């Protein structure tokens, strides 16, 4: 049919050998626009021009991405990219750093490698666009949109229909709480207190997204940071598959974040917030062991060594470098965020449902 496009994702992954095939058929995207907030899990090039060690604008990053090296911290597409395709967007949402007036009406990606909920997270690596700065950038985008559409009422109604994705918080652990030699947070707060103050700060940021017009907001929990190759190398696992005390700390944060989503939904009846349970989605299923080895050769910082050769069969790797999932893992995460496979994947609904509300 004229103007119709079909998107298919067909992935096989070691996580319980789950076979994922999703068809999305549609002439138009399911929502008019899609805005992305977060860290290196969604960054699509915003860090390229920053003075920071957290960059992925060199090979072997992007080796399987259609446009090659872009600043994405994986071999191919990010979770945010794949969710955009599942929502029916024919092009990838542009990074804020380069988004033109022609592009912003379909959305903007504000994600920044090493960024956190807290201002100081990731600061030892150099510049990064933390969550508060991303919100300021979104405000600037709305002003640009308002000027282009020349009708504030129209812009306000338009923004209510979009999907907003927020995937941040990992660096508040990896590049803050878990580095006591640089950051005082682990001496200031117990694990439970830290999860509480983090979620309190994040709560204000999510309310800001709402106040800037968002009504359909997907909030990602944190993945199992204790299972990343870099943290396993750094802390050891005492014979277990992962660093359990780190995963326990992350679980405290995730539980509080899920409760926050419930609270936001009861306080803002005209909005729909949903929690994406990344820890559940990425948890090993059954008895198949997770290969916790990076696909690329990594340096001390856990990132791919510049111009090194990655593994050949990237469809069988969970991690691309010491911290970041491979495209096949991102495909699994994105498809289960979009359509839940088991009830614990998303709460109270998946992204396909959120788009229809």
Protein backbone atom coordinates (compact mmCIF):
# COMPACT_ATOMS: atom_id res chain seq x y z
CA UNK A 1 0.00 0.00 0.00
CA UNK A 2 1.18 3.49 -0.81
CA UNK A 3 2.83 5.30 2.10
CA UNK A 4 2.77 2.22 4.30
CA UNK A 5 5.88 0.89 5.96
CA UNK A 6 6.47 -2.38 7.75
CA UNK A 7 8.98 -2.66 10.57
CA UNK A 8 10.17 -6.02 11.78
CA UNK A 9 12.54 -6.93 14.58
CA UNK A 10 13.78 -10.45 14.66
CA UNK A 11 16.20 -11.17 17.49
CA UNK A 12 17.69 -14.16 19.21
CA UNK A 13 19.45 -13.57 22.51
CA UNK A 14 21.11 -15.65 25.19
CA UNK A 15 18.69 -14.38 27.85
CA UNK A 16 16.73 -17.60 28.08
CA UNK A 17 17.02 -17.87 24.28
CA UNK A 18 14.00 -15.62 23.88
CA UNK A 19 12.90 -15.31 20.28
CA UNK A 20 11.49 -11.88 19.49
CA UNK A 21 9.58 -11.10 16.32
CA UNK A 22 7.41 -7.99 16.21
CA UNK A 23 5.59 -6.56 13.24
CA UNK A 24 4.40 -2.98 13.21
CA UNK A 25 2.39 -1.91 10.22
CA UNK A 26 1.16 1.63 9.83
CA UNK A 27 1.12 4.59 7.50
CA UNK A 28 1.68 7.18 10.23
CA UNK A 29 3.59 7.18 13.52
CA UNK A 30 1.28 6.29 16.44
CA UNK A 31 2.07 9.61 18.16
CA UNK A 32 3.08 12.95 16.55
CA UNK A 33 6.37 13.23 18.42
CA UNK A 34 8.78 11.47 20.75
CA UNK A 35 11.15 13.12 23.24
CA UNK A 36 14.04 11.23 24.87
CA UNK A 37 15.84 12.06 28.13
CA UNK A 38 18.67 10.06 29.66
CA UNK A 39 22.29 8.95 29.67
CA UNK A 40 24.61 6.90 27.43
CA UNK A 41 21.95 4.18 27.07
CA UNK A 42 20.05 6.61 24.79
CA UNK A 43 22.67 9.25 23.78
CA UNK A 44 22.71 9.56 19.97
CA UNK A 45 25.51 12.12 19.62
CA UNK A 46 24.96 14.92 22.14
CA UNK A 47 28.34 14.26 23.77
CA UNK A 48 30.34 14.41 20.53
CA UNK A 49 31.17 18.12 20.87
CA UNK A 50 31.61 18.11 24.68
CA UNK A 51 34.93 18.02 26.53
CA UNK A 52 34.47 14.61 28.13
CA UNK A 53 35.92 11.11 28.24
CA UNK A 54 32.35 9.77 27.81
CA UNK A 55 32.21 9.68 24.02
CA UNK A 56 31.40 6.97 21.50
CA UNK A 57 32.07 8.85 18.24
CA UNK A 58 34.72 6.41 17.03
CA UNK A 59 34.91 2.82 15.80
CA UNK A 60 34.07 0.12 16.76
CA UNK A 61 30.95 1.93 18.10
CA UNK A 62 28.30 2.14 15.38
CA UNK A 63 29.75 -0.75 13.39
CA UNK A 64 26.23 -2.13 12.73
CA UNK A 65 24.37 1.20 12.67
CA UNK A 66 23.02 2.30 9.25
CA UNK A 67 24.73 5.71 9.54
CA UNK A 68 27.95 4.30 11.02
CA UNK A 69 29.65 6.13 13.90
CA UNK A 70 27.25 8.69 15.44
CA UNK A 71 28.09 8.79 19.16
CA UNK A 72 25.81 5.91 20.17
CA UNK A 73 27.38 3.75 22.89
CA UNK A 74 26.66 0.42 21.19
CA UNK A 75 27.29 -1.45 17.93
CA UNK A 76 23.93 -0.51 16.41
CA UNK A 77 20.65 0.99 17.58
CA UNK A 78 19.85 2.07 21.13
CA UNK A 79 16.70 1.12 23.05
CA UNK A 80 15.29 4.60 22.29
CA UNK A 81 15.97 4.15 18.54
CA UNK A 82 14.15 0.82 18.41
CA UNK A 83 11.17 2.10 20.42
CA UNK A 84 10.97 5.00 17.92
CA UNK A 85 10.80 2.49 15.07
CA UNK A 86 8.14 0.45 16.89
CA UNK A 87 6.12 3.66 17.29
CA UNK A 88 6.29 4.04 13.52
CA UNK A 89 8.78 6.90 13.10
CA UNK A 90 10.50 6.51 9.72
CA UNK A 91 13.66 8.34 10.87
CA UNK A 92 15.72 8.30 14.06
CA UNK A 93 14.92 11.13 16.49
CA UNK A 94 17.76 13.70 16.16
CA UNK A 95 20.11 14.64 19.01
CA UNK A 96 19.47 18.07 20.52
CA UNK A 97 23.01 19.15 19.56
CA UNK A 98 22.19 19.06 15.83
CA UNK A 99 18.35 19.09 15.62
CA UNK A 100 17.07 21.52 12.97
CA UNK A 101 13.79 23.46 13.04
CA UNK A 102 12.49 21.04 10.39
CA UNK A 103 13.26 18.04 12.63
CA UNK A 104 12.07 19.11 16.09
CA UNK A 105 8.35 18.68 15.36
CA UNK A 106 8.85 14.87 15.49
CA UNK A 107 10.89 15.04 18.69
CA UNK A 108 14.37 15.52 20.09
CA UNK A 109 16.86 13.28 21.91
CA UNK A 110 18.48 15.04 24.90
CA UNK A 111 20.40 11.99 26.23
CA UNK A 112 24.00 12.49 27.33
CA UNK A 113 26.65 9.91 28.23
CA UNK A 114 27.71 9.99 31.93
CA UNK A 115 24.77 12.26 32.85
CA UNK A 116 22.85 11.64 36.04
CA UNK A 117 19.84 12.72 38.07
CA UNK A 118 22.30 14.46 40.40
CA UNK A 119 24.30 17.38 39.05
CA UNK A 120 27.72 16.04 40.13
CA UNK A 121 27.35 12.47 38.78
CA UNK A 122 29.92 11.76 36.05
CA UNK A 123 31.77 15.05 36.64
CA UNK A 124 35.17 13.32 36.92
CA UNK A 125 34.81 12.31 33.24
CA UNK A 126 34.26 15.89 32.06
CA UNK A 127 31.25 17.77 30.74
CA UNK A 128 27.84 16.11 30.47
CA UNK A 129 24.27 17.30 30.10
CA UNK A 130 22.69 16.28 33.40
CA UNK A 131 18.92 15.83 33.77
CA UNK A 132 18.28 19.42 34.90
CA UNK A 133 20.15 20.76 31.84
CA UNK A 134 18.22 18.37 29.58
CA UNK A 135 15.00 19.86 30.94
CA UNK A 136 16.26 23.39 30.15
CA UNK A 137 17.07 22.21 26.61
CA UNK A 138 13.53 20.81 26.30
CA UNK A 139 12.15 24.20 27.36
CA UNK A 140 14.19 25.80 24.54
CA UNK A 141 12.82 23.22 22.07
CA UNK A 142 9.23 24.05 23.12
CA UNK A 143 9.92 27.76 22.53
CA UNK A 144 11.27 26.93 19.07
CA UNK A 145 8.22 24.76 18.33
CA UNK A 146 5.84 27.48 19.56
CA UNK A 147 7.49 30.04 17.28
CA UNK A 148 7.35 27.66 14.29
CA UNK A 149 3.74 26.60 14.87
CA UNK A 150 2.79 30.19 15.72
CA UNK A 151 -0.07 29.02 17.93
CA UNK A 152 0.56 28.29 21.61
CA UNK A 153 -2.75 26.45 22.09
CA UNK A 154 -1.91 24.14 19.18
CA UNK A 155 1.61 23.51 20.54
CA UNK A 156 0.24 22.71 24.02
CA UNK A 157 -2.27 20.20 22.61
CA UNK A 158 0.39 18.75 20.28
CA UNK A 159 2.85 18.10 23.13
CA UNK A 160 0.19 16.25 25.16
CA UNK A 161 -0.03 13.56 22.46
CA UNK A 162 3.71 12.77 22.32
CA UNK A 163 5.63 9.97 24.05
CA UNK A 164 8.30 11.03 26.53
CA UNK A 165 10.96 8.48 27.48
CA UNK A 166 13.28 8.95 30.47
CA UNK A 167 16.15 6.52 31.06
CA UNK A 168 18.56 7.91 33.66
CA UNK A 169 20.06 7.06 37.06
CA UNK A 170 22.78 4.51 36.25
CA UNK A 171 25.54 7.13 36.52
CA UNK A 172 24.29 8.17 39.95
CA UNK A 173 25.60 4.75 40.97
CA UNK A 174 28.39 3.86 38.48
CA UNK A 175 29.89 7.36 38.31
CA UNK A 176 29.02 8.59 41.79
CA UNK A 177 27.98 6.31 44.69
CA UNK A 178 30.27 3.44 43.65
CA UNK A 179 33.39 5.65 43.49
CA UNK A 180 33.98 6.66 47.13
CA UNK A 181 37.49 7.94 46.32
CA UNK A 182 35.93 10.79 44.29
CA UNK A 183 32.34 11.24 45.47
CA UNK A 184 31.26 11.59 49.13
CA UNK A 185 27.73 10.21 48.58
CA UNK A 186 28.45 6.70 49.94
CA UNK A 187 29.89 8.23 53.14
CA UNK A 188 26.94 10.63 53.46
CA UNK A 189 24.07 8.20 52.79
CA UNK A 190 23.27 4.57 53.46
CA UNK A 191 22.18 2.64 50.36
CA UNK A 192 18.54 3.08 51.30
CA UNK A 193 18.92 6.81 52.06
CA UNK A 194 20.68 7.36 48.74
CA UNK A 195 17.89 5.61 46.79
CA UNK A 196 15.39 7.83 48.65
CA UNK A 197 17.15 11.15 47.90
CA UNK A 198 17.73 10.10 44.28
CA UNK A 199 14.05 9.31 43.73
CA UNK A 200 13.03 12.54 45.48
CA UNK A 201 15.20 14.57 43.09
CA UNK A 202 14.01 12.54 40.09
CA UNK A 203 10.42 13.14 41.21
CA UNK A 204 10.91 16.91 40.81
CA UNK A 205 12.41 16.38 37.35
CA UNK A 206 9.52 14.18 36.20
CA UNK A 207 7.06 16.80 37.49
CA UNK A 208 8.97 19.38 35.41
CA UNK A 209 8.48 17.21 32.29
CA UNK A 210 4.76 17.17 33.14
CA UNK A 211 4.71 20.95 33.69
CA UNK A 212 6.32 21.41 30.27
CA UNK A 213 3.32 19.69 28.69
CA UNK A 214 4.08 15.95 28.78
CA UNK A 215 1.15 13.60 29.45
CA UNK A 216 2.51 10.20 28.29
CA UNK A 217 5.73 9.43 30.12
CA UNK A 218 7.66 6.14 30.14
CA UNK A 219 10.10 5.98 33.06
CA UNK A 220 12.83 3.34 32.84
CA UNK A 221 14.08 1.65 35.98
CA UNK A 222 17.76 0.79 36.24
CA UNK A 223 19.20 -2.41 34.82
CA UNK A 224 21.26 -4.86 36.86
CA UNK A 225 24.40 -2.74 37.12
CA UNK A 226 26.05 -5.49 39.18
CA UNK A 227 25.98 -7.74 36.09
CA UNK A 228 27.94 -5.36 33.84
CA UNK A 229 31.39 -6.65 32.87
CA UNK A 230 33.08 -3.48 34.18
CA UNK A 231 31.59 -3.71 37.68
CA UNK A 232 32.27 -7.48 37.84
CA UNK A 233 35.92 -6.81 36.96
CA UNK A 234 36.13 -4.01 39.51
CA UNK A 235 34.41 -5.57 42.51
CA UNK A 236 34.45 -9.34 41.91
CA UNK A 237 31.40 -11.52 42.51
CA UNK A 238 32.50 -13.96 45.26
CA UNK A 239 31.61 -16.86 42.97
CA UNK A 240 28.15 -15.52 42.07
CA UNK A 241 27.18 -14.54 38.49
CA UNK A 242 26.93 -10.81 39.39
CA UNK A 243 27.92 -8.30 42.10
CA UNK A 244 24.88 -8.94 44.27
CA UNK A 245 25.20 -5.98 46.69
CA UNK A 246 25.15 -3.56 43.74
CA UNK A 247 22.02 -5.21 42.32
CA UNK A 248 20.44 -5.03 45.79
CA UNK A 249 21.17 -1.27 45.88
CA UNK A 250 19.63 -0.83 42.43
CA UNK A 251 16.55 -2.81 43.50
CA UNK A 252 15.94 -0.32 46.34
CA UNK A 253 15.99 2.51 43.80
CA UNK A 254 13.72 0.65 41.36
CA UNK A 255 11.15 -0.21 44.04
CA UNK A 256 10.97 3.44 45.13
CA UNK A 257 10.74 4.61 41.50
CA UNK A 258 7.85 2.24 40.80
CA UNK A 259 6.04 3.63 43.87
CA UNK A 260 6.70 7.15 42.60
CA UNK A 261 5.04 6.29 39.26
CA UNK A 262 1.93 5.13 41.16
CA UNK A 263 1.97 8.37 43.17
CA UNK A 264 2.36 10.56 40.06
CA UNK A 265 -0.55 8.78 38.36
CA UNK A 266 -2.80 9.44 41.36
CA UNK A 267 -1.69 13.10 41.66
CA UNK A 268 -1.87 13.97 37.94
CA UNK A 269 -5.09 12.44 36.68
CA UNK A 270 -4.71 13.95 33.19
CA UNK A 271 -1.32 12.24 32.71
CA UNK A 272 -0.15 8.66 32.26
CA UNK A 273 3.20 7.64 33.74
CA UNK A 274 4.46 4.08 33.30
CA UNK A 275 7.40 2.20 34.82
CA UNK A 276 9.62 0.07 32.55
CA UNK A 277 11.14 -2.70 34.66
CA UNK A 278 14.56 -2.94 33.04
CA UNK A 279 15.94 -5.21 35.79
CA UNK A 280 13.15 -7.74 35.16
CA UNK A 281 13.43 -7.55 31.37
CA UNK A 282 17.20 -8.05 31.40
CA UNK A 283 17.27 -10.72 34.13
CA UNK A 284 18.46 -14.19 33.05
CA UNK A 285 15.58 -16.52 32.19
CA UNK A 286 15.96 -20.19 33.05
CA UNK A 287 19.33 -21.93 33.28
CA UNK A 288 21.08 -20.31 30.31
CA UNK A 289 24.17 -18.48 31.63
CA UNK A 290 24.59 -14.86 30.60
CA UNK A 291 27.85 -14.21 28.75
CA UNK A 292 29.15 -11.24 30.79
CA UNK A 293 32.05 -10.57 28.46
CA UNK A 294 32.29 -7.38 26.38
CA UNK A 295 32.19 -7.79 22.61
CA UNK A 296 34.84 -5.12 22.03
CA UNK A 297 38.28 -4.79 23.59
CA UNK A 298 37.81 -2.45 26.56
CA UNK A 299 40.12 0.00 28.30
CA UNK A 300 40.27 0.73 32.04
CA UNK A 301 37.22 3.00 31.67
CA UNK A 302 35.09 0.12 30.38
CA UNK A 303 34.69 1.68 26.93
CA UNK A 304 35.79 0.18 23.61
CA UNK A 305 39.42 0.79 22.70
CA UNK A 306 39.49 3.13 19.70
CA UNK A 307 39.62 1.32 16.32
CA UNK A 308 39.86 -2.12 17.97
CA UNK A 309 38.18 -5.13 16.35
CA UNK A 310 34.91 -6.22 18.01
CA UNK A 311 33.71 -9.82 18.27
CA UNK A 312 32.45 -11.33 15.03
CA UNK A 313 29.06 -12.72 16.13
CA UNK A 314 27.51 -9.68 17.77
CA UNK A 315 24.04 -11.26 17.78
CA UNK A 316 25.24 -13.56 20.58
CA UNK A 317 26.60 -10.90 22.94
CA UNK A 318 24.68 -9.25 25.76
CA UNK A 319 27.20 -6.43 26.32
CA UNK A 320 29.02 -4.46 23.65
CA UNK A 321 31.54 -2.81 26.01
CA UNK A 322 32.01 -2.90 29.79
CA UNK A 323 28.71 -1.13 30.52
CA UNK A 324 26.48 -0.90 27.45
CA UNK A 325 24.20 -3.51 25.91
CA UNK A 326 24.68 -4.73 22.35
CA UNK A 327 22.03 -3.97 19.73
CA UNK A 328 20.52 -7.44 20.17
CA UNK A 329 20.03 -6.77 23.90
CA UNK A 330 18.59 -3.34 23.10
CA UNK A 331 16.15 -5.01 20.71
CA UNK A 332 14.95 -7.37 23.44
CA UNK A 333 14.60 -4.52 25.96
CA UNK A 334 12.80 -2.24 23.49
CA UNK A 335 10.36 -4.87 22.24
CA UNK A 336 9.40 -5.93 25.78
CA UNK A 337 9.03 -2.28 26.82
CA UNK A 338 6.77 -1.73 23.82
CA UNK A 339 4.74 -4.92 24.30
CA UNK A 340 5.10 -6.68 27.70
CA UNK A 341 5.92 -10.37 27.50
CA UNK A 342 5.25 -10.98 31.21
CA UNK A 343 3.24 -8.78 33.62
CA UNK A 344 6.35 -7.61 35.53
CA UNK A 345 7.93 -6.03 32.40
CA UNK A 346 5.97 -2.78 32.65
CA UNK A 347 3.62 -1.10 35.14
CA UNK A 348 0.80 -0.15 34.75
CA UNK A 349 1.09 -0.56 30.97
CA UNK A 350 3.55 -1.01 28.12
CA UNK A 351 4.53 1.70 25.64
CA UNK A 352 2.21 0.44 22.87
CA UNK A 353 -0.72 0.93 25.29
CA UNK A 354 0.66 4.32 26.42
CA UNK A 355 0.71 5.49 22.80
CA UNK A 356 -2.98 4.59 22.37
CA UNK A 357 -4.20 6.37 25.52
